[in-house]
C-alpha cells in the first residue's frame, strides 16, 4: 500500500514531507503491449473478413439477369382487341 507520509531530507536543506493518497483499482486488469497488439490485429482481420463477405454478397447480383430483362415484349397494336 503506497499511501502514507514520505520524508525527503538532504544535508544542506531541512526535510520535506509529502503525503500520498493513492486509490487502487480493485477490478483493474493490466494490459501489456502484446495484448494490445493482439487486439488490434484481431480487429483488422475481422474487418477484412467482413469487407470480403460484403463484397462477395453484393457482387453476385451483377452476373444475373432478371426474368424479363433482355427480352423484347411485343404489345398488340390497334387490330387485335
N, C-alpha and C. Protein backbone atom coordinates (compact mmCIF):
# COMPACT_ATOMS: atom_id res chain seq x y z
N UNK A 1 0.85 -1.18 0.00
CA UNK A 1 0.00 0.00 0.00
C UNK A 1 0.89 1.24 0.00
N UNK A 2 0.90 2.01 -1.07
CA UNK A 2 1.80 3.17 -1.15
C UNK A 2 1.30 4.41 -0.41
N UNK A 3 0.12 4.34 0.24
CA UNK A 3 -0.37 5.52 0.95
C UNK A 3 0.46 5.80 2.19
N UNK A 4 0.57 7.06 2.52
CA UNK A 4 1.30 7.41 3.73
C UNK A 4 2.03 8.72 3.60
N UNK A 5 2.86 9.01 4.57
CA UNK A 5 3.65 10.24 4.59
C UNK A 5 5.10 9.89 4.34
N UNK A 6 5.70 10.56 3.35
CA UNK A 6 7.08 10.32 2.97
C UNK A 6 7.89 11.58 3.27
N UNK A 7 9.12 11.36 3.70
CA UNK A 7 10.00 12.47 4.04
C UNK A 7 11.27 12.36 3.20
N UNK A 8 11.67 13.50 2.62
CA UNK A 8 12.89 13.56 1.84
C UNK A 8 13.82 14.55 2.53
N UNK A 9 15.02 14.12 2.83
CA UNK A 9 15.93 15.02 3.52
C UNK A 9 17.28 15.05 2.80
N UNK A 10 17.81 16.25 2.68
CA UNK A 10 19.14 16.48 2.13
C UNK A 10 20.01 17.10 3.22
N UNK A 11 21.30 16.97 3.10
CA UNK A 11 22.19 17.51 4.12
C UNK A 11 22.13 19.03 4.18
N UNK A 12 21.97 19.69 3.02
CA UNK A 12 22.01 21.15 3.01
C UNK A 12 20.65 21.79 3.29
N UNK A 13 19.55 21.04 3.24
CA UNK A 13 18.22 21.62 3.43
C UNK A 13 17.49 20.89 4.56
N UNK A 14 16.41 21.52 5.01
CA UNK A 14 15.59 20.84 6.01
C UNK A 14 14.69 19.83 5.32
N UNK A 15 14.25 18.80 6.00
CA UNK A 15 13.46 17.72 5.38
C UNK A 15 12.11 18.22 4.83
N UNK A 16 11.72 17.67 3.69
CA UNK A 16 10.42 17.96 3.08
C UNK A 16 9.52 16.76 3.29
N UNK A 17 8.26 17.04 3.56
CA UNK A 17 7.30 15.98 3.82
C UNK A 17 6.27 15.95 2.68
N UNK A 18 5.94 14.75 2.25
CA UNK A 18 4.96 14.56 1.18
C UNK A 18 3.96 13.52 1.66
N UNK A 19 2.69 13.89 1.58
CA UNK A 19 1.65 12.94 1.97
C UNK A 19 1.00 12.40 0.70
N UNK A 20 0.93 11.07 0.57
CA UNK A 20 0.42 10.42 -0.63
C UNK A 20 -0.91 9.75 -0.31
N UNK A 21 -1.92 10.10 -1.12
CA UNK A 21 -3.22 9.43 -1.07
C UNK A 21 -3.36 8.70 -2.40
N UNK A 22 -3.39 7.40 -2.35
CA UNK A 22 -3.40 6.59 -3.56
C UNK A 22 -4.59 5.66 -3.50
N UNK A 23 -5.38 5.66 -4.54
CA UNK A 23 -6.56 4.81 -4.59
C UNK A 23 -6.32 3.72 -5.63
N UNK A 24 -6.32 2.50 -5.20
CA UNK A 24 -6.06 1.39 -6.11
C UNK A 24 -7.37 0.84 -6.67
N UNK A 25 -7.31 0.42 -7.90
CA UNK A 25 -8.48 -0.16 -8.57
C UNK A 25 -8.58 -1.64 -8.18
N UNK A 26 -9.76 -2.05 -7.73
CA UNK A 26 -9.95 -3.43 -7.29
C UNK A 26 -10.18 -4.40 -8.46
N UNK A 27 -10.83 -3.93 -9.53
CA UNK A 27 -11.19 -4.81 -10.65
C UNK A 27 -10.42 -4.47 -11.92
N UNK A 28 -9.26 -3.87 -11.81
CA UNK A 28 -8.49 -3.47 -12.99
C UNK A 28 -7.68 -4.64 -13.52
N UNK A 29 -7.48 -4.63 -14.85
CA UNK A 29 -6.65 -5.63 -15.50
C UNK A 29 -5.49 -4.91 -16.16
N UNK A 30 -4.30 -5.39 -15.92
CA UNK A 30 -3.13 -4.77 -16.52
C UNK A 30 -2.99 -5.27 -17.95
N UNK A 31 -2.87 -4.33 -18.87
CA UNK A 31 -2.77 -4.66 -20.29
C UNK A 31 -1.37 -4.31 -20.76
N UNK A 32 -0.69 -5.30 -21.32
CA UNK A 32 0.66 -5.06 -21.80
C UNK A 32 0.66 -4.94 -23.33
N UNK A 33 1.83 -4.67 -23.92
CA UNK A 33 1.94 -4.42 -25.35
C UNK A 33 1.51 -5.61 -26.21
N UNK A 34 1.87 -6.86 -25.89
CA UNK A 34 1.39 -7.97 -26.73
C UNK A 34 -0.13 -8.13 -26.74
N UNK A 35 -0.76 -7.84 -25.61
CA UNK A 35 -2.22 -7.93 -25.56
C UNK A 35 -2.86 -6.87 -26.45
N UNK A 36 -2.37 -5.66 -26.37
CA UNK A 36 -2.91 -4.57 -27.20
C UNK A 36 -2.69 -4.87 -28.67
N UNK A 37 -1.49 -5.34 -29.04
CA UNK A 37 -1.23 -5.64 -30.44
C UNK A 37 -2.10 -6.80 -30.92
N UNK A 38 -2.37 -7.78 -30.07
CA UNK A 38 -3.26 -8.88 -30.44
C UNK A 38 -4.68 -8.40 -30.69
N UNK A 39 -5.15 -7.48 -29.87
CA UNK A 39 -6.49 -6.91 -30.06
C UNK A 39 -6.56 -6.15 -31.37
N UNK A 40 -5.53 -5.37 -31.68
CA UNK A 40 -5.51 -4.59 -32.92
C UNK A 40 -5.47 -5.51 -34.13
N UNK A 41 -4.64 -6.55 -34.10
CA UNK A 41 -4.55 -7.49 -35.23
C UNK A 41 -5.87 -8.22 -35.41
N UNK A 42 -6.49 -8.67 -34.34
CA UNK A 42 -7.78 -9.36 -34.44
C UNK A 42 -8.85 -8.44 -35.02
N UNK A 43 -8.83 -7.17 -34.64
CA UNK A 43 -9.79 -6.21 -35.17
C UNK A 43 -9.59 -6.00 -36.68
N UNK A 44 -8.34 -5.89 -37.11
CA UNK A 44 -8.05 -5.71 -38.54
C UNK A 44 -8.47 -6.95 -39.33
N UNK A 45 -8.17 -8.13 -38.83
CA UNK A 45 -8.55 -9.37 -39.52
C UNK A 45 -10.06 -9.49 -39.62
N UNK A 46 -10.77 -9.19 -38.55
CA UNK A 46 -12.23 -9.26 -38.56
C UNK A 46 -12.82 -8.25 -39.55
N UNK A 47 -12.24 -7.05 -39.62
CA UNK A 47 -12.71 -6.05 -40.56
C UNK A 47 -12.48 -6.49 -42.00
N UNK A 48 -11.34 -7.09 -42.28
CA UNK A 48 -11.06 -7.57 -43.64
C UNK A 48 -12.03 -8.68 -44.02
N UNK A 49 -12.28 -9.63 -43.13
CA UNK A 49 -13.23 -10.71 -43.42
C UNK A 49 -14.64 -10.15 -43.66
N UNK A 50 -15.04 -9.17 -42.88
CA UNK A 50 -16.35 -8.57 -43.05
C UNK A 50 -16.44 -7.84 -44.40
N UNK A 51 -15.39 -7.13 -44.77
CA UNK A 51 -15.38 -6.43 -46.06
C UNK A 51 -15.44 -7.42 -47.22
N UNK A 52 -14.72 -8.52 -47.12
CA UNK A 52 -14.76 -9.54 -48.18
C UNK A 52 -16.15 -10.17 -48.27
N UNK A 53 -16.76 -10.45 -47.14
CA UNK A 53 -18.11 -11.03 -47.15
C UNK A 53 -19.12 -10.09 -47.79
N UNK A 54 -19.06 -8.81 -47.45
CA UNK A 54 -19.97 -7.84 -48.04
C UNK A 54 -19.72 -7.72 -49.53
N UNK A 55 -18.48 -7.72 -49.95
CA UNK A 55 -18.15 -7.64 -51.37
C UNK A 55 -18.67 -8.86 -52.13
N UNK A 56 -18.51 -10.04 -51.55
CA UNK A 56 -18.97 -11.27 -52.22
C UNK A 56 -20.49 -11.31 -52.31
N UNK A 57 -21.17 -10.89 -51.27
CA UNK A 57 -22.64 -10.93 -51.28
C UNK A 57 -23.21 -9.92 -52.27
N UNK A 58 -22.68 -8.72 -52.30
CA UNK A 58 -23.21 -7.70 -53.21
C UNK A 58 -22.72 -7.89 -54.63
N UNK A 59 -21.60 -8.55 -54.83
CA UNK A 59 -21.06 -8.74 -56.17
C UNK A 59 -21.76 -9.82 -56.96
N UNK A 60 -22.56 -10.68 -56.34
CA UNK A 60 -23.23 -11.77 -57.04
C UNK A 60 -24.38 -11.29 -57.91
N UNK A 61 -24.96 -10.14 -57.63
CA UNK A 61 -26.12 -9.66 -58.39
C UNK A 61 -25.73 -9.13 -59.76
N UNK A 62 -24.49 -8.85 -60.03
CA UNK A 62 -24.08 -8.27 -61.30
C UNK A 62 -24.22 -9.26 -62.45
N UNK A 63 -23.97 -10.54 -62.26
CA UNK A 63 -23.97 -11.51 -63.33
C UNK A 63 -25.34 -12.06 -63.68
N UNK A 64 -26.32 -11.89 -62.86
CA UNK A 64 -27.64 -12.46 -63.10
C UNK A 64 -28.52 -11.49 -63.87
N UNK A 65 -29.39 -12.06 -64.69
CA UNK A 65 -30.39 -11.25 -65.37
C UNK A 65 -31.73 -11.58 -64.76
N UNK A 66 -32.55 -10.59 -64.57
CA UNK A 66 -33.87 -10.85 -64.01
C UNK A 66 -34.76 -11.44 -65.10
N UNK A 67 -35.94 -11.88 -64.73
CA UNK A 67 -36.79 -12.63 -65.65
C UNK A 67 -37.21 -11.82 -66.86
N UNK A 68 -37.43 -10.70 -66.92
CA UNK A 68 -37.88 -10.01 -68.13
C UNK A 68 -36.78 -9.27 -68.85
N UNK A 69 -35.62 -9.25 -68.29
CA UNK A 69 -34.53 -8.46 -68.84
C UNK A 69 -33.94 -9.14 -70.07
N UNK A 70 -33.72 -8.40 -71.13
CA UNK A 70 -33.10 -8.93 -72.32
C UNK A 70 -34.09 -9.45 -73.34
N UNK A 71 -35.35 -9.53 -73.04
CA UNK A 71 -36.37 -9.98 -73.98
C UNK A 71 -37.15 -8.78 -74.50
N UNK A 72 -37.64 -8.96 -75.70
CA UNK A 72 -38.49 -7.92 -76.27
C UNK A 72 -39.94 -8.32 -76.08
N UNK A 73 -40.72 -7.44 -75.58
CA UNK A 73 -42.15 -7.71 -75.38
C UNK A 73 -42.92 -6.98 -76.47
N UNK A 74 -43.67 -7.75 -77.23
CA UNK A 74 -44.46 -7.16 -78.29
C UNK A 74 -45.86 -6.90 -77.76
N UNK A 75 -46.29 -5.70 -77.88
CA UNK A 75 -47.63 -5.35 -77.45
C UNK A 75 -48.52 -5.29 -78.69
N UNK A 76 -49.74 -5.78 -78.58
CA UNK A 76 -50.63 -5.73 -79.74
C UNK A 76 -51.00 -4.30 -80.11
N UNK A 77 -51.07 -4.06 -81.40
CA UNK A 77 -51.48 -2.73 -81.86
C UNK A 77 -52.97 -2.76 -82.18
N UNK A 78 -53.55 -1.71 -82.52
CA UNK A 78 -54.96 -1.49 -82.67
C UNK A 78 -55.81 -2.61 -83.24
N UNK A 79 -55.33 -3.54 -84.08
CA UNK A 79 -56.15 -4.53 -84.73
C UNK A 79 -56.50 -5.73 -83.87
N UNK A 80 -55.77 -6.08 -82.85
CA UNK A 80 -56.01 -7.29 -82.07
C UNK A 80 -56.64 -6.94 -80.72
N UNK A 81 -57.91 -6.74 -80.66
CA UNK A 81 -58.55 -6.45 -79.38
C UNK A 81 -59.56 -7.46 -79.06
